Amino acid sequence: MTDKLPTLTELPINPIISMATLVLMPEIEIPKLVAQMHSGTIDANLFMSQYHLFTIIGPKEFAREMQSKALERSAVYRIAGTKKPTIRLLALMGPGDAMENTPLDYLVEDSDIQLDLLYIMPGKPLPTIIPEHDIAIVALCDSKKTRPLLDKIDKLIAQWPRPVLNLPSRIQRCYRDDLCQLLNSIPGLLIPPTVYASRVELERISRLGLPVSELLGDGTYPITIRPLDFHSGIGLSKIDNEKGLADYLEATNEQEFLFLFILITVAKTDFIARLE
């Protein structure tokens, strides 16, 4: 490791600004920002700047294309910081949509934390120069898509020279259906049973009018459902009956889902029992 970063591509707050700030920017200011990007930054900075911008305003496909172009040029970026940071934080990231990594820029904006992003690329070694840091954190989330990369990060950090937060082995225990099973035995804790189901299984339930308890055990309607590995409420829906489930499946082409029994009634009953 070194403090000298000749290959580190720095993203200054101006013109690249954090997503936390960008999402609040009036639409009328966006074209001005794009023009500023083209006149003031080049190469990897330009592409990564546009990735952040179009992640917010779309189209998402273009954002991912810009990220790919940026990562071809540099795997390390400085997203925020001060000249004399109290903490130098290195985030281990993976390529992909914004929701596939914890948006740490929301947490460090306007703070005395310097945040460097190191993208771990499938099939590629680490860059020759890694920013000096006090602590590292694994920012990549767990999904079917990211698990091979999490396994790679797990091996990389086995002998990492600095403390590492958010170990991949722990991240993978937080997947929705696994977390339900992990926490279900804790006394006094109510957690909705969360189940993986394929389209075939759900279509069978809706077509034959079978009770949802076929998959959820003691669960019944209403349920919530979302496609596997989707985030930010995308594809999330409340289902009240078999017809609602059939309508939901008709409206999506996804093949894998997670769904859970809503615990409102159970929670209310449990609360009343405790009062008595």
C-alpha atoms as a PDB file:
ATOM      1  CA  MET A   1       0.000   0.000   0.000  1.00  0.00           C
ATOM      2  CA  THR A   2       1.092   3.553  -0.570  1.00  0.00           C
ATOM      3  CA  ASP A   3       0.039   7.128  -0.044  1.00  0.00           C
ATOM      4  CA  LYS A   4       1.132   7.950  -3.589  1.00  0.00           C
ATOM      5  CA  LEU A   5      -1.715   7.316  -5.966  1.00  0.00           C
ATOM      6  CA  PRO A   6      -0.584   8.051  -9.521  1.00  0.00           C
ATOM      7  CA  THR A   7      -3.228   5.724 -10.924  1.00  0.00           C
ATOM      8  CA  LEU A   8      -5.988   6.706  -8.528  1.00  0.00           C
ATOM      9  CA  THR A   9      -8.793   8.367 -10.460  1.00  0.00           C
ATOM     10  CA  GLU A  10     -10.186  11.023  -8.168  1.00  0.00           C
ATOM     11  CA  LEU A  11     -13.800  12.145  -8.334  1.00  0.00           C
ATOM     12  CA  PRO A  12     -14.013  15.617  -6.780  1.00  0.00           C
ATOM     13  CA  ILE A  13     -17.347  16.694  -5.354  1.00  0.00           C
ATOM     14  CA  ASN A  14     -17.597  19.211  -8.204  1.00  0.00           C
ATOM     15  CA  PRO A  15     -18.645  18.221 -10.853  1.00  0.00           C
ATOM     16  CA  ILE A  16     -19.262  14.691  -9.589  1.00  0.00           C
ATOM     17  CA  ILE A  17     -21.472  14.927  -6.555  1.00  0.00           C
ATOM     18  CA  SER A  18     -22.780  12.194  -4.347  1.00  0.00           C
ATOM     19  CA  MET A  19     -26.076  10.519  -5.109  1.00  0.00           C
ATOM     20  CA  ALA A  20     -27.425  11.918  -1.850  1.00  0.00           C
ATOM     21  CA  THR A  21     -27.006  15.436  -3.277  1.00  0.00           C
ATOM     22  CA  LEU A  22     -27.849  14.590  -6.864  1.00  0.00           C
ATOM     23  CA  VAL A  23     -31.256  13.154  -6.044  1.00  0.00           C
ATOM     24  CA  LEU A  24     -32.264  16.527  -4.553  1.00  0.00           C
ATOM     25  CA  MET A  25     -31.049  18.559  -7.528  1.00  0.00           C
ATOM     26  CA  PRO A  26     -33.761  20.347  -9.565  1.00  0.00           C
ATOM     27  CA  GLU A  27     -34.184  18.815 -13.032  1.00  0.00           C
ATOM     28  CA  ILE A  28     -33.363  22.146 -14.656  1.00  0.00           C
ATOM     29  CA  GLU A  29     -29.827  21.898 -13.236  1.00  0.00           C
ATOM     30  CA  ILE A  30     -29.106  18.439 -14.695  1.00  0.00           C
ATOM     31  CA  PRO A  31     -28.195  19.562 -18.275  1.00  0.00           C
ATOM     32  CA  LYS A  32     -25.818  22.149 -16.821  1.00  0.00           C
ATOM     33  CA  LEU A  33     -24.142  19.420 -14.771  1.00  0.00           C
ATOM     34  CA  VAL A  34     -23.707  17.196 -17.839  1.00  0.00           C
ATOM     35  CA  ALA A  35     -22.117  20.078 -19.767  1.00  0.00           C
ATOM     36  CA  GLN A  36     -19.781  20.703 -16.840  1.00  0.00           C
ATOM     37  CA  MET A  37     -18.755  17.044 -16.827  1.00  0.00           C
ATOM     38  CA  HIS A  38     -17.787  17.125 -20.493  1.00  0.00           C
ATOM     39  CA  SER A  39     -15.823  20.344 -20.165  1.00  0.00           C
ATOM     40  CA  GLY A  40     -14.067  19.604 -16.897  1.00  0.00           C
ATOM     41  CA  THR A  41     -13.303  15.879 -16.627  1.00  0.00           C
ATOM     42  CA  ILE A  42     -11.992  13.197 -18.946  1.00  0.00           C
ATOM     43  CA  ASP A  43     -11.642   9.455 -19.242  1.00  0.00           C
ATOM     44  CA  ALA A  44     -12.659   7.365 -16.229  1.00  0.00           C
ATOM     45  CA  ASN A  45     -13.936  10.372 -14.289  1.00  0.00           C
ATOM     46  CA  LEU A  46     -16.299  11.321 -17.084  1.00  0.00           C
ATOM     47  CA  PHE A  47     -17.739   7.842 -17.431  1.00  0.00           C
ATOM     48  CA  MET A  48     -18.121   7.283 -13.676  1.00  0.00           C
ATOM     49  CA  SER A  49     -19.703  10.721 -13.307  1.00  0.00           C
ATOM     50  CA  GLN A  50     -22.284   9.804 -15.918  1.00  0.00           C
ATOM     51  CA  TYR A  51     -22.878   6.471 -14.211  1.00  0.00           C
ATOM     52  CA  HIS A  52     -23.831   8.286 -10.999  1.00  0.00           C
ATOM     53  CA  LEU A  53     -25.974  10.763 -12.892  1.00  0.00           C
ATOM     54  CA  PHE A  54     -27.923   8.292 -15.009  1.00  0.00           C
ATOM     55  CA  THR A  55     -28.352   5.892 -12.097  1.00  0.00           C
ATOM     56  CA  ILE A  56     -30.636   8.595 -10.692  1.00  0.00           C
ATOM     57  CA  ILE A  57     -32.382   9.903 -13.794  1.00  0.00           C
ATOM     58  CA  GLY A  58     -32.145   6.863 -16.119  1.00  0.00           C
ATOM     59  CA  PRO A  59     -31.936   5.040 -18.362  1.00  0.00           C
ATOM     60  CA  LYS A  60     -30.324   2.422 -16.143  1.00  0.00           C
ATOM     61  CA  GLU A  61     -28.866   0.512 -19.107  1.00  0.00           C
ATOM     62  CA  PHE A  62     -26.910   3.594 -20.152  1.00  0.00           C
ATOM     63  CA  ALA A  63     -25.700   4.055 -16.564  1.00  0.00           C
ATOM     64  CA  ARG A  64     -24.319   0.518 -16.481  1.00  0.00           C
ATOM     65  CA  GLU A  65     -22.626   1.075 -19.840  1.00  0.00           C
ATOM     66  CA  MET A  66     -20.917   4.189 -18.490  1.00  0.00           C
ATOM     67  CA  GLN A  67     -19.776   2.292 -15.401  1.00  0.00           C
ATOM     68  CA  SER A  68     -18.269  -0.461 -17.558  1.00  0.00           C
ATOM     69  CA  LYS A  69     -16.316   2.113 -19.556  1.00  0.00           C
ATOM     70  CA  ALA A  70     -15.076   3.715 -16.335  1.00  0.00           C
ATOM     71  CA  LEU A  71     -13.966   0.424 -14.821  1.00  0.00           C
ATOM     72  CA  GLU A  72     -12.042  -0.449 -17.965  1.00  0.00           C
ATOM     73  CA  ARG A  73      -9.883   2.583 -17.143  1.00  0.00           C
ATOM     74  CA  SER A  74      -9.681   2.537 -13.360  1.00  0.00           C
ATOM     75  CA  ALA A  75     -10.867   0.347 -10.501  1.00  0.00           C
ATOM     76  CA  VAL A  76     -10.260   2.932  -7.742  1.00  0.00           C
ATOM     77  CA  TYR A  77     -12.152   6.178  -7.103  1.00  0.00           C
ATOM     78  CA  ARG A  78     -12.248   8.792  -4.373  1.00  0.00           C
ATOM     79  CA  ILE A  79     -15.861   9.795  -3.925  1.00  0.00           C
ATOM     80  CA  ALA A  80     -15.686  12.124  -0.926  1.00  0.00           C
ATOM     81  CA  GLY A  81     -13.309  13.380   1.699  1.00  0.00           C
ATOM     82  CA  THR A  82     -11.426  16.226   3.270  1.00  0.00           C
ATOM     83  CA  LYS A  83      -7.786  17.305   3.108  1.00  0.00           C
ATOM     84  CA  LYS A  84      -7.256  16.089   6.666  1.00  0.00           C
ATOM     85  CA  PRO A  85      -9.699  13.206   7.192  1.00  0.00           C
ATOM     86  CA  THR A  86     -10.137  11.675  10.608  1.00  0.00           C
ATOM     87  CA  ILE A  87     -10.874   8.291   9.046  1.00  0.00           C
ATOM     88  CA  ARG A  88      -9.738   6.939   5.694  1.00  0.00           C
ATOM     89  CA  LEU A  89     -12.343   4.383   4.645  1.00  0.00           C
ATOM     90  CA  LEU A  90     -11.897   1.954   1.750  1.00  0.00           C
ATOM     91  CA  ALA A  91     -15.064   0.353   0.362  1.00  0.00           C
ATOM     92  CA  LEU A  92     -14.746  -2.943  -1.500  1.00  0.00           C
ATOM     93  CA  MET A  93     -17.336  -2.755  -4.257  1.00  0.00           C
ATOM     94  CA  GLY A  94     -18.582  -4.809  -7.176  1.00  0.00           C
ATOM     95  CA  PRO A  95     -19.693  -3.654 -10.637  1.00  0.00           C
ATOM     96  CA  GLY A  96     -23.408  -3.446 -11.341  1.00  0.00           C
ATOM     97  CA  ASP A  97     -26.489  -1.468 -10.406  1.00  0.00           C
ATOM     98  CA  ALA A  98     -26.309   1.068  -7.594  1.00  0.00           C
ATOM     99  CA  MET A  99     -28.399  -1.145  -5.301  1.00  0.00           C
ATOM    100  CA  GLU A 100     -25.820  -3.932  -5.506  1.00  0.00           C
ATOM    101  CA  ASN A 101     -23.503  -1.904  -3.264  1.00  0.00           C
ATOM    102  CA  THR A 102     -24.226  -0.094  -0.013  1.00  0.00           C
ATOM    103  CA  PRO A 103     -24.446   3.638  -0.913  1.00  0.00           C
ATOM    104  CA  LEU A 104     -21.838   4.764   1.600  1.00  0.00           C
ATOM    105  CA  ASP A 105     -21.669   8.257   0.107  1.00  0.00           C
ATOM    106  CA  TYR A 106     -24.997   8.957   1.833  1.00  0.00           C
ATOM    107  CA  LEU A 107     -23.343   8.236   5.175  1.00  0.00           C
ATOM    108  CA  VAL A 108     -20.095  10.169   4.761  1.00  0.00           C
ATOM    109  CA  GLU A 109     -21.256  13.276   2.919  1.00  0.00           C
ATOM    110  CA  ASP A 110     -20.128  16.478   4.664  1.00  0.00           C
ATOM    111  CA  SER A 111     -18.160  14.451   7.210  1.00  0.00           C
ATOM    112  CA  ASP A 112     -14.465  14.128   8.000  1.00  0.00           C
ATOM    113  CA  ILE A 113     -14.357  10.658   6.427  1.00  0.00           C
ATOM    114  CA  GLN A 114     -12.416  10.114   3.217  1.00  0.00           C
ATOM    115  CA  LEU A 115     -14.148   7.435   1.152  1.00  0.00           C
ATOM    116  CA  ASP A 116     -12.257   5.505  -1.516  1.00  0.00           C
ATOM    117  CA  LEU A 117     -14.009   2.935  -3.682  1.00  0.00           C
ATOM    118  CA  LEU A 118     -12.127  -0.155  -4.824  1.00  0.00           C
ATOM    119  CA  TYR A 119     -14.038  -2.155  -7.411  1.00  0.00           C
ATOM    120  CA  ILE A 120     -13.259  -5.862  -7.263  1.00  0.00           C
ATOM    121  CA  MET A 121     -13.575  -7.158 -10.817  1.00  0.00           C
ATOM    122  CA  PRO A 122     -14.476 -10.779 -11.657  1.00  0.00           C
ATOM    123  CA  GLY A 123     -11.534 -12.565 -13.255  1.00  0.00           C
ATOM    124  CA  LYS A 124      -9.121  -9.686 -12.670  1.00  0.00           C
ATOM    125  CA  PRO A 125      -6.412  -9.121 -10.031  1.00  0.00           C
ATOM    126  CA  LEU A 126      -6.369  -6.196  -7.637  1.00  0.00           C
ATOM    127  CA  PRO A 127      -4.933  -2.957  -9.031  1.00  0.00           C
ATOM    128  CA  THR A 128      -1.235  -2.440  -8.383  1.00  0.00           C
ATOM    129  CA  ILE A 129      -1.929   0.596  -6.204  1.00  0.00           C
ATOM    130  CA  ILE A 130      -4.516   0.525  -3.413  1.00  0.00           C
ATOM    131  CA  PRO A 131      -5.289   3.724  -1.466  1.00  0.00           C
ATOM    132  CA  GLU A 132      -3.862   3.876   2.034  1.00  0.00           C
ATOM    133  CA  HIS A 133      -6.714   3.483   4.506  1.00  0.00           C
ATOM    134  CA  ASP A 134      -7.435   2.983   8.183  1.00  0.00           C
ATOM    135  CA  ILE A 135     -10.279   0.532   7.747  1.00  0.00           C
ATOM    136  CA  ALA A 136     -11.990  -1.341   4.913  1.00  0.00           C
ATOM    137  CA  ILE A 137     -15.635  -2.291   4.521  1.00  0.00           C
ATOM    138  CA  VAL A 138     -17.267  -4.760   2.159  1.00  0.00           C
ATOM    139  CA  ALA A 139     -20.023  -2.749   0.459  1.00  0.00           C
ATOM    140  CA  LEU A 140     -21.229  -5.427  -1.970  1.00  0.00           C
ATOM    141  CA  CYS A 141     -24.661  -6.820  -1.146  1.00  0.00           C
ATOM    142  CA  ASP A 142     -25.677 -10.473  -1.250  1.00  0.00           C
ATOM    143  CA  SER A 143     -27.602 -11.796  -4.236  1.00  0.00           C
ATOM    144  CA  LYS A 144     -27.547 -14.753  -6.554  1.00  0.00           C
ATOM    145  CA  LYS A 145     -25.504 -12.648  -8.959  1.00  0.00           C
ATOM    146  CA  THR A 146     -22.974 -11.281  -6.450  1.00  0.00           C
ATOM    147  CA  ARG A 147     -22.210 -14.434  -4.444  1.00  0.00           C
ATOM    148  CA  PRO A 148     -19.244 -15.539  -6.612  1.00  0.00           C
ATOM    149  CA  LEU A 149     -17.719 -12.076  -6.178  1.00  0.00           C
ATOM    150  CA  LEU A 150     -18.367 -12.139  -2.431  1.00  0.00           C
ATOM    151  CA  ASP A 151     -16.520 -15.463  -2.302  1.00  0.00           C
ATOM    152  CA  LYS A 152     -13.599 -13.846  -4.132  1.00  0.00           C
ATOM    153  CA  ILE A 153     -13.575 -10.898  -1.693  1.00  0.00           C
ATOM    154  CA  ASP A 154     -13.677 -13.336   1.226  1.00  0.00           C
ATOM    155  CA  LYS A 155     -10.436 -14.919   0.003  1.00  0.00           C
ATOM    156  CA  LEU A 156      -8.816 -11.551  -0.732  1.00  0.00           C
ATOM    157  CA  ILE A 157      -9.396 -10.196   2.779  1.00  0.00           C
ATOM    158  CA  ALA A 158      -8.180 -13.306   4.597  1.00  0.00           C
ATOM    159  CA  GLN A 159      -4.824 -11.557   5.103  1.00  0.00           C
ATOM    160  CA  TRP A 160      -5.887  -7.936   4.600  1.00  0.00           C
ATOM    161  CA  PRO A 161      -3.472  -5.585   6.403  1.00  0.00           C
ATOM    162  CA  ARG A 162      -6.227  -3.409   7.882  1.00  0.00           C
ATOM    163  CA  PRO A 163      -9.411  -4.212   9.855  1.00  0.00           C
ATOM    164  CA  VAL A 164     -12.327  -5.188   7.611  1.00  0.00           C
ATOM    165  CA  LEU A 165     -16.003  -4.586   8.422  1.00  0.00           C
ATOM    166  CA  ASN A 166     -18.995  -6.477   7.030  1.00  0.00           C
ATOM    167  CA  LEU A 167     -17.384  -9.814   6.232  1.00  0.00           C
ATOM    168  CA  PRO A 168     -18.795 -11.621   3.160  1.00  0.00           C
ATOM    169  CA  SER A 169     -19.611 -14.747   5.190  1.00  0.00           C
ATOM    170  CA  ARG A 170     -21.811 -12.615   7.457  1.00  0.00           C
ATOM    171  CA  ILE A 171     -23.393 -10.730   4.558  1.00  0.00           C
ATOM    172  CA  GLN A 172     -24.563 -13.991   3.027  1.00  0.00           C
ATOM    173  CA  ARG A 173     -26.335 -14.922   6.257  1.00  0.00           C
ATOM    174  CA  CYS A 174     -28.534 -11.830   5.849  1.00  0.00           C
ATOM    175  CA  TYR A 175     -30.289 -13.008   2.696  1.00  0.00           C
ATOM    176  CA  ARG A 176     -34.035 -12.650   3.163  1.00  0.00           C
ATOM    177  CA  ASP A 177     -35.123 -16.284   3.493  1.00  0.00           C
ATOM    178  CA  ASP A 178     -31.952 -17.279   5.399  1.00  0.00           C
ATOM    179  CA  LEU A 179     -32.349 -14.368   7.836  1.00  0.00           C
ATOM    180  CA  CYS A 180     -35.894 -15.458   8.645  1.00  0.00           C
ATOM    181  CA  GLN A 181     -34.677 -18.931   9.634  1.00  0.00           C
ATOM    182  CA  LEU A 182     -31.692 -17.518  11.519  1.00  0.00           C
ATOM    183  CA  LEU A 183     -33.768 -15.196  13.736  1.00  0.00           C
ATOM    184  CA  ASN A 184     -36.970 -17.175  14.051  1.00  0.00           C
ATOM    185  CA  SER A 185     -35.927 -18.972  17.251  1.00  0.00           C
ATOM    186  CA  ILE A 186     -35.223 -15.793  19.248  1.00  0.00           C
ATOM    187  CA  PRO A 187     -37.771 -15.554  22.102  1.00  0.00           C
ATOM    188  CA  GLY A 188     -40.140 -12.592  21.825  1.00  0.00           C
ATOM    189  CA  LEU A 189     -39.096 -11.735  18.255  1.00  0.00           C
ATOM    190  CA  LEU A 190     -41.705 -11.657  15.507  1.00  0.00           C
ATOM    191  CA  ILE A 191     -40.298 -12.106  12.017  1.00  0.00           C
ATOM    192  CA  PRO A 192     -42.419 -12.890   8.958  1.00  0.00           C
ATOM    193  CA  PRO A 193     -41.698 -16.271   7.358  1.00  0.00           C
ATOM    194  CA  THR A 194     -39.973 -15.514   4.052  1.00  0.00           C
ATOM    195  CA  VAL A 195     -39.977 -18.146   1.338  1.00  0.00           C
ATOM    196  CA  TYR A 196     -38.343 -18.575  -2.053  1.00  0.00           C
ATOM    197  CA  ALA A 197     -40.734 -19.726  -4.781  1.00  0.00           C
ATOM    198  CA  SER A 198     -40.476 -20.297  -8.497  1.00  0.00           C
ATOM    199  CA  ARG A 199     -43.030 -19.019 -10.989  1.00  0.00           C
ATOM    200  CA  VAL A 200     -44.175 -22.600 -11.558  1.00  0.00           C
ATOM    201  CA  GLU A 201     -44.984 -23.060  -7.868  1.00  0.00           C
ATOM    202  CA  LEU A 202     -46.853 -19.759  -7.621  1.00  0.00           C
ATOM    203  CA  GLU A 203     -48.779 -20.342 -10.846  1.00  0.00           C
ATOM    204  CA  ARG A 204     -49.879 -23.723  -9.508  1.00  0.00           C
ATOM    205  CA  ILE A 205     -51.233 -22.114  -6.321  1.00  0.00           C
ATOM    206  CA  SER A 206     -53.088 -19.360  -8.167  1.00  0.00           C
ATOM    207  CA  ARG A 207     -54.409 -21.619 -10.942  1.00  0.00           C
ATOM    208  CA  LEU A 208     -55.725 -24.343  -8.642  1.00  0.00           C
ATOM    209  CA  GLY A 209     -56.901 -21.966  -5.928  1.00  0.00           C
ATOM    210  CA  LEU A 210     -54.674 -23.668  -3.355  1.00  0.00           C
ATOM    211  CA  PRO A 211     -54.026 -22.022   0.020  1.00  0.00           C
ATOM    212  CA  VAL A 212     -50.777 -20.096   0.204  1.00  0.00           C
ATOM    213  CA  SER A 213     -49.941 -22.245   3.251  1.00  0.00           C
ATOM    214  CA  GLU A 214     -48.765 -24.823   0.681  1.00  0.00           C
ATOM    215  CA  LEU A 215     -45.571 -22.784   0.656  1.00  0.00           C
ATOM    216  CA  LEU A 216     -45.831 -20.649   3.788  1.00  0.00           C
ATOM    217  CA  GLY A 217     -46.720 -23.246   6.401  1.00  0.00           C
ATOM    218  CA  ASP A 218     -49.145 -21.479   8.761  1.00  0.00           C
ATOM    219  CA  GLY A 219     -49.185 -18.334   6.613  1.00  0.00           C
ATOM    220  CA  THR A 220     -52.200 -16.983   4.793  1.00  0.00           C
ATOM    221  CA  TYR A 221     -53.184 -13.927   2.755  1.00  0.00           C
ATOM    222  CA  PRO A 222     -52.343 -11.082   2.639  1.00  0.00           C
ATOM    223  CA  ILE A 223     -48.733 -11.597   1.570  1.00  0.00           C
ATOM    224  CA  THR A 224     -46.070  -9.392   0.018  1.00  0.00           C
ATOM    225  CA  ILE A 225     -44.090 -10.585  -2.979  1.00  0.00           C
ATOM    226  CA  ARG A 226     -41.156  -9.343  -5.008  1.00  0.00           C
ATOM    227  CA  PRO A 227     -38.863 -10.790  -7.692  1.00  0.00           C
ATOM    228  CA  LEU A 228     -35.687 -12.393  -6.385  1.00  0.00           C
ATOM    229  CA  ASP A 229     -32.789  -9.952  -5.860  1.00  0.00           C
ATOM    230  CA  PHE A 230     -34.893  -6.830  -6.578  1.00  0.00           C
ATOM    231  CA  HIS A 231     -34.485  -3.802  -4.299  1.00  0.00           C
ATOM    232  CA  SER A 232     -35.924  -0.338  -3.592  1.00  0.00           C
ATOM    233  CA  GLY A 233     -39.518  -1.537  -3.771  1.00  0.00           C
ATOM    234  CA  ILE A 234     -39.214  -2.459  -7.457  1.00  0.00           C
ATOM    235  CA  GLY A 235     -41.659  -5.258  -8.225  1.00  0.00           C
ATOM    236  CA  LEU A 236     -42.915  -5.312  -4.622  1.00  0.00           C
ATOM    237  CA  SER A 237     -46.648  -5.872  -4.244  1.00  0.00           C
ATOM    238  CA  LYS A 238     -49.233  -6.765  -1.601  1.00  0.00           C
ATOM    239  CA  ILE A 239     -51.372  -9.753  -2.595  1.00  0.00           C
ATOM    240  CA  ASP A 240     -54.763 -10.338  -0.964  1.00  0.00           C
ATOM    241  CA  ASN A 241     -55.963 -13.539  -2.655  1.00  0.00           C
ATOM    242  CA  GLU A 242     -55.398 -16.103  -5.432  1.00  0.00           C
ATOM    243  CA  LYS A 243     -56.700 -13.737  -8.116  1.00  0.00           C
ATOM    244  CA  GLY A 244     -54.314 -11.021  -6.975  1.00  0.00           C
ATOM    245  CA  LEU A 245     -51.453 -13.501  -7.214  1.00  0.00           C
ATOM    246  CA  ALA A 246     -52.521 -14.530 -10.732  1.00  0.00           C
ATOM    247  CA  ASP A 247     -52.743 -10.872 -11.810  1.00  0.00           C
ATOM    248  CA  TYR A 248     -49.298 -10.166 -10.373  1.00  0.00           C
ATOM    249  CA  LEU A 249     -47.707 -13.074 -12.231  1.00  0.00           C
ATOM    250  CA  GLU A 250     -49.445 -12.018 -15.430  1.00  0.00           C
ATOM    251  CA  ALA A 251     -47.837  -8.572 -15.177  1.00  0.00           C
ATOM    252  CA  THR A 252     -44.215  -9.768 -14.804  1.00  0.00           C
ATOM    253  CA  ASN A 253     -41.854 -12.028 -16.705  1.00  0.00           C
ATOM    254  CA  GLU A 254     -39.665 -12.802 -13.688  1.00  0.00           C
ATOM    255  CA  GLN A 255     -39.167 -16.471 -12.843  1.00  0.00           C
ATOM    256  CA  GLU A 256     -38.024 -16.407  -9.199  1.00  0.00           C
ATOM    257  CA  PHE A 257     -39.624 -14.681  -6.213  1.00  0.00           C
ATOM    258  CA  LEU A 258     -39.468 -14.137  -2.480  1.00  0.00           C
ATOM    259  CA  PHE A 259     -42.714 -13.727  -0.608  1.00  0.00           C
ATOM    260  CA  LEU A 260     -43.695 -13.395   3.009  1.00  0.00           C
ATOM    261  CA  PHE A 261     -46.732 -13.543   5.264  1.00  0.00           C
ATOM    262  CA  ILE A 262     -47.696 -10.141   6.668  1.00  0.00           C
ATOM    263  CA  LEU A 263     -47.515 -10.282  10.459  1.00  0.00           C
ATOM    264  CA  ILE A 264     -49.911  -7.430  11.258  1.00  0.00           C
ATOM    265  CA  THR A 265     -52.585  -9.684  12.766  1.00  0.00           C
ATOM    266  CA  VAL A 266     -50.097 -11.861  14.626  1.00  0.00           C
ATOM    267  CA  ALA A 267     -48.258  -8.836  15.984  1.00  0.00           C
ATOM    268  CA  LYS A 268     -51.509  -7.255  17.180  1.00  0.00           C
ATOM    269  CA  THR A 269     -52.598 -10.479  18.911  1.00  0.00           C
ATOM    270  CA  ASP A 270     -49.212 -10.871  20.560  1.00  0.00           C
ATOM    271  CA  PHE A 271     -49.252  -7.241  21.733  1.00  0.00           C
ATOM    272  CA  ILE A 272     -52.716  -7.625  23.310  1.00  0.00           C
ATOM    273  CA  ALA A 273     -51.644 -10.869  25.007  1.00  0.00           C
ATOM    274  CA  ARG A 274     -48.687  -9.099  26.583  1.00  0.00           C
ATOM    275  CA  LEU A 275     -50.920  -6.304  27.864  1.00  0.00           C
ATOM    276  CA  GLU A 276     -53.167  -8.840  29.553  1.00  0.00           C
END
